[in-house]
Each structure stands twice: as C-alpha cells, then as structure tokens.
C-alpha cells in the first residue's frame, strides 16, 4: 500500500451526555475543553483531515469552541438521538461525499482526553502495514475506539444504527482486526464522578 495514505478522522461529539451535569464536550481540560483538546491532538497526527460530528447542542458547542473560525469541518446529525451508531453512519456518508478516495476512517471520541497523538499515529502506521484490516484499541477482552476502518468497510459503517457505535462491526470482524494497547491512555468520562476522578488522577492540572 502507498505510504502516503489518506486518513480522515471523525470525532464523535454528538451525544447529549445526560449522565453528566453540563455539556461533556465543553468540560474544562488543559487550557480549553475536551473537544478542543481532542482536536489539537488529532491535528498533530498524520491524518489528512479531521471532521467533528455534532448533534445535541450543536450550535452552542460550535460557537463556544469557535469551530468555524478555526476552519474545523462540522458535520451535524439532526438525528443524533438515534444513538452513536446513527451519528457514525451520518458522518461517514457525508465524509465520503466530500472525499470519495479515502483509504481509511479513524473514529475517535471527544471524551478520551488522555489519548496522545503518538498513539493515534501508531494506529495509522499499523494500518499502512495492514490496509485491509481494522486497527482498533485493545480493551482487555474486547476492542473499541479509537479504531481505524479500511475502505472495504465504509459501506457497513454508513448503515450503522442504534447506540452501540461500531461495536457490531468490531465484534463480528475479529478475524480482520489488529489491536493495539493504549495502556493508561484509555479513560472514558461519562459521569461527573469519573470527571473528578480524572482530575485527581492528573493532579488537577486544569486551567478553569
């Protein structure tokens, strides 16, 4: 496969984060918030483009993060309440209209703030070696996102439904998955308690 692969990143940030008090995408982190820091991390990778999928509070989040001023491509899923799978499908369909020659799509979440650009680059490097396989993140006995999907699975991504994200594909394609270990970089934040634990774990280095 060509070394100069065309990888697009979809940052999934469409959910309502109902288990948290406040909008999770805008929770303070480092010098800004979860979403903006995720964007900064991805901008440092070897991916060719990044795209943010918004849904709940889309206009407010875009404004608070000045996404348009930063020339960040925004994809809004008006049916975000149908779940993460629906938002992934919508994002993929819009993305493929913009970039029909993509080699791979890397799906990331906006609530994994410890992930480094070096780790995301390792997913891309592994994808270059195995261009027909999914390169996913190891979660003990299962795999999940961030995960990089090859062209031959774009159609399946585009018809996802429900709130299980890409789990159905990942669970059914174990024979074509390469998994990498992100170690202590995996930290989903779904509740205020988990957020506070994250702050404590990182010595409260948040500029609020």
Protein backbone atom coordinates (compact mmCIF):
# COMPACT_ATOMS: atom_id res chain seq x y z
CA UNK A 1 0.00 0.00 0.00
CA UNK A 2 1.14 3.50 -0.64
CA UNK A 3 2.93 5.11 2.28
CA UNK A 4 1.04 8.38 1.89
CA UNK A 5 -2.36 7.11 2.99
CA UNK A 6 -5.40 9.35 3.03
CA UNK A 7 -6.89 9.01 6.51
CA UNK A 8 -9.79 11.12 7.73
CA UNK A 9 -10.70 11.36 11.40
CA UNK A 10 -14.28 11.52 12.63
CA UNK A 11 -14.52 12.95 16.14
CA UNK A 12 -17.81 11.77 17.60
CA UNK A 13 -19.25 14.58 19.73
CA UNK A 14 -22.98 14.38 19.02
CA UNK A 15 -24.34 12.94 22.26
CA UNK A 16 -26.26 14.75 24.98
CA UNK A 17 -24.09 13.41 27.83
CA UNK A 18 -27.17 13.09 30.03
CA UNK A 19 -25.23 11.38 32.81
CA UNK A 20 -23.17 14.50 33.38
CA UNK A 21 -24.08 17.87 34.80
CA UNK A 22 -23.16 20.10 31.91
CA UNK A 23 -22.11 19.55 28.32
CA UNK A 24 -19.38 16.92 28.29
CA UNK A 25 -17.73 18.17 25.12
CA UNK A 26 -17.12 21.51 26.88
CA UNK A 27 -15.84 20.19 30.21
CA UNK A 28 -12.65 22.07 31.15
CA UNK A 29 -9.48 20.21 30.23
CA UNK A 30 -5.92 21.53 29.99
CA UNK A 31 -6.15 25.02 28.50
CA UNK A 32 -9.60 24.61 26.96
CA UNK A 33 -12.06 21.69 26.95
CA UNK A 34 -12.44 18.05 25.98
CA UNK A 35 -13.44 18.70 22.37
CA UNK A 36 -10.83 21.34 21.59
CA UNK A 37 -8.04 19.33 23.19
CA UNK A 38 -9.12 16.28 21.17
CA UNK A 39 -8.98 18.40 18.04
CA UNK A 40 -5.48 19.64 18.94
CA UNK A 41 -4.30 16.07 19.50
CA UNK A 42 -5.61 14.91 16.13
CA UNK A 43 -4.16 17.93 14.34
CA UNK A 44 -0.74 16.67 15.43
CA UNK A 45 -1.24 13.26 13.83
CA UNK A 46 -0.51 12.09 10.29
CA UNK A 47 -4.20 12.05 9.40
CA UNK A 48 -5.03 14.15 6.35
CA UNK A 49 -8.25 15.70 7.68
CA UNK A 50 -10.48 15.86 10.72
CA UNK A 51 -14.22 16.27 10.97
CA UNK A 52 -16.36 16.84 14.06
CA UNK A 53 -19.77 15.19 14.24
CA UNK A 54 -22.13 17.28 16.39
CA UNK A 55 -25.76 16.75 17.34
CA UNK A 56 -27.08 17.78 20.75
CA UNK A 57 -26.25 21.43 21.46
CA UNK A 58 -24.51 21.57 18.09
CA UNK A 59 -24.72 25.32 17.52
CA UNK A 60 -23.75 26.14 21.11
CA UNK A 61 -20.74 23.81 21.07
CA UNK A 62 -19.58 25.08 17.68
CA UNK A 63 -19.84 28.66 18.91
CA UNK A 64 -18.17 28.05 22.27
CA UNK A 65 -15.27 26.29 20.56
CA UNK A 66 -15.11 28.77 17.63
CA UNK A 67 -15.02 25.78 15.28
CA UNK A 68 -16.00 27.75 12.19
CA UNK A 69 -13.39 30.40 12.89
CA UNK A 70 -10.81 27.62 13.27
CA UNK A 71 -11.91 26.17 9.90
CA UNK A 72 -12.89 22.87 11.51
CA UNK A 73 -15.21 20.84 9.33
CA UNK A 74 -18.51 20.33 11.18
CA UNK A 75 -20.97 17.56 10.37
CA UNK A 76 -24.31 17.93 12.16
CA UNK A 77 -26.50 14.88 12.69
CA UNK A 78 -30.05 16.11 13.31
CA UNK A 79 -30.99 12.54 14.27
CA UNK A 80 -28.34 12.29 17.00
CA UNK A 81 -30.95 10.98 19.46
CA UNK A 82 -30.96 7.73 17.49
CA UNK A 83 -27.59 6.92 19.03
CA UNK A 84 -23.88 6.81 18.34
CA UNK A 85 -24.27 4.30 15.51
CA UNK A 86 -26.58 6.66 13.65
CA UNK A 87 -24.12 9.55 14.13
CA UNK A 88 -21.23 7.45 12.84
CA UNK A 89 -23.28 6.42 9.80
CA UNK A 90 -24.26 10.00 9.08
CA UNK A 91 -20.69 11.22 9.47
CA UNK A 92 -19.34 8.53 7.16
CA UNK A 93 -21.91 9.25 4.46
CA UNK A 94 -21.18 12.98 4.49
CA UNK A 95 -17.44 12.34 4.60
CA UNK A 96 -17.49 10.01 1.60
CA UNK A 97 -19.32 12.60 -0.47
CA UNK A 98 -16.53 15.06 0.34
CA UNK A 99 -13.67 12.58 0.00
CA UNK A 100 -14.62 9.54 -2.10
CA UNK A 101 -11.00 8.37 -2.44
CA UNK A 102 -10.28 7.92 1.26
CA UNK A 103 -8.16 4.96 2.31
CA UNK A 104 -9.35 4.82 5.89
CA UNK A 105 -11.55 6.47 8.50
CA UNK A 106 -10.34 6.80 12.08
CA UNK A 107 -13.20 7.05 14.56
CA UNK A 108 -12.41 8.84 17.82
CA UNK A 109 -14.47 10.06 20.75
CA UNK A 110 -14.41 13.50 22.31
CA UNK A 111 -14.30 12.07 25.83
CA UNK A 112 -10.99 10.22 25.82
CA UNK A 113 -8.76 13.16 26.79
CA UNK A 114 -5.67 11.15 27.72
CA UNK A 115 -5.06 9.80 24.23
CA UNK A 116 -1.85 11.07 22.65
CA UNK A 117 -1.15 11.89 19.04
CA UNK A 118 1.68 9.35 19.19
CA UNK A 119 -0.80 6.58 19.95
CA UNK A 120 -3.14 7.67 17.16
CA UNK A 121 -0.17 7.75 14.80
CA UNK A 122 0.64 4.19 15.81
CA UNK A 123 -2.83 3.16 14.63
CA UNK A 124 -2.15 4.83 11.28
CA UNK A 125 1.29 3.21 10.99
CA UNK A 126 -0.23 -0.21 11.67
CA UNK A 127 -2.92 0.48 9.08
CA UNK A 128 -0.24 1.15 6.47
CA UNK A 129 1.08 -2.37 7.13
CA UNK A 130 -2.40 -3.93 7.08
CA UNK A 131 -4.54 -1.81 4.71
CA UNK A 132 -7.46 -4.24 4.56
CA UNK A 133 -7.81 -4.68 8.31
CA UNK A 134 -9.39 -2.73 11.15
CA UNK A 135 -6.83 -1.31 13.54
CA UNK A 136 -8.57 -0.96 16.88
CA UNK A 137 -7.77 -0.28 20.52
CA UNK A 138 -7.47 -3.15 22.95
CA UNK A 139 -9.81 -3.14 25.97
CA UNK A 140 -8.75 -6.34 27.77
CA UNK A 141 -11.08 -8.96 26.26
CA UNK A 142 -12.61 -6.71 23.61
CA UNK A 143 -11.65 -3.97 21.19
CA UNK A 144 -13.02 -0.49 20.66
CA UNK A 145 -12.32 3.03 19.54
CA UNK A 146 -10.19 4.76 18.56
CA UNK A 147 -10.41 2.42 15.60
CA UNK A 148 -9.30 2.85 12.00
CA UNK A 149 -11.54 1.27 9.37
CA UNK A 150 -10.49 0.35 5.81
CA UNK A 151 -12.31 1.27 2.64
CA UNK A 152 -13.96 -2.14 2.30
CA UNK A 153 -15.96 -1.47 5.49
CA UNK A 154 -17.13 2.05 4.67
CA UNK A 155 -20.50 0.78 3.47
CA UNK A 156 -21.10 -1.13 6.71
CA UNK A 157 -20.18 1.97 8.71
CA UNK A 158 -22.64 4.02 6.69
CA UNK A 159 -25.62 1.86 7.70
CA UNK A 160 -24.96 1.59 11.44
CA UNK A 161 -27.92 2.22 13.72
CA UNK A 162 -28.67 2.42 17.42
CA UNK A 163 -26.48 3.36 20.34
CA UNK A 164 -23.76 0.73 20.08
CA UNK A 165 -21.47 2.70 17.82
CA UNK A 166 -19.22 0.46 15.75
CA UNK A 167 -19.31 -2.39 18.30
CA UNK A 168 -21.34 -4.63 15.98
CA UNK A 169 -18.71 -4.42 13.26
CA UNK A 170 -15.85 -4.82 15.73
CA UNK A 171 -17.49 -7.84 17.36
CA UNK A 172 -18.19 -9.55 14.04
CA UNK A 173 -14.87 -8.89 12.33
CA UNK A 174 -12.41 -10.36 14.82
CA UNK A 175 -10.59 -12.16 12.01
CA UNK A 176 -9.66 -8.86 10.35
CA UNK A 177 -8.77 -6.81 13.42
CA UNK A 178 -5.33 -5.75 14.57
CA UNK A 179 -5.48 -4.43 18.13
CA UNK A 180 -3.08 -2.06 19.82
CA UNK A 181 -2.72 -1.36 23.54
CA UNK A 182 -3.23 2.25 24.62
CA UNK A 183 -2.34 1.32 28.21
CA UNK A 184 -3.30 4.06 30.69
CA UNK A 185 -4.46 6.45 27.94
CA UNK A 186 -7.96 4.96 27.89
CA UNK A 187 -10.29 6.87 30.17
CA UNK A 188 -13.89 7.37 29.08
CA UNK A 189 -15.63 10.10 31.05
CA UNK A 190 -19.41 9.65 31.30
CA UNK A 191 -20.25 10.99 34.77
CA UNK A 192 -19.21 13.86 37.00
CA UNK A 193 -17.58 11.39 39.38
CA UNK A 194 -15.47 9.97 36.56
CA UNK A 195 -14.55 13.52 35.57
CA UNK A 196 -13.48 14.36 39.13
CA UNK A 197 -11.51 11.13 39.33
CA UNK A 198 -9.76 12.08 36.10
CA UNK A 199 -8.86 15.49 37.52
CA UNK A 200 -7.48 13.87 40.65
CA UNK A 201 -5.55 11.31 38.62
CA UNK A 202 -3.93 14.07 36.57
CA UNK A 203 -3.18 16.21 39.63
CA UNK A 204 -5.87 18.76 38.78
CA UNK A 205 -3.82 20.38 36.06
CA UNK A 206 -6.87 22.06 34.61
CA UNK A 207 -6.97 25.75 33.85
CA UNK A 208 -10.59 26.67 34.50
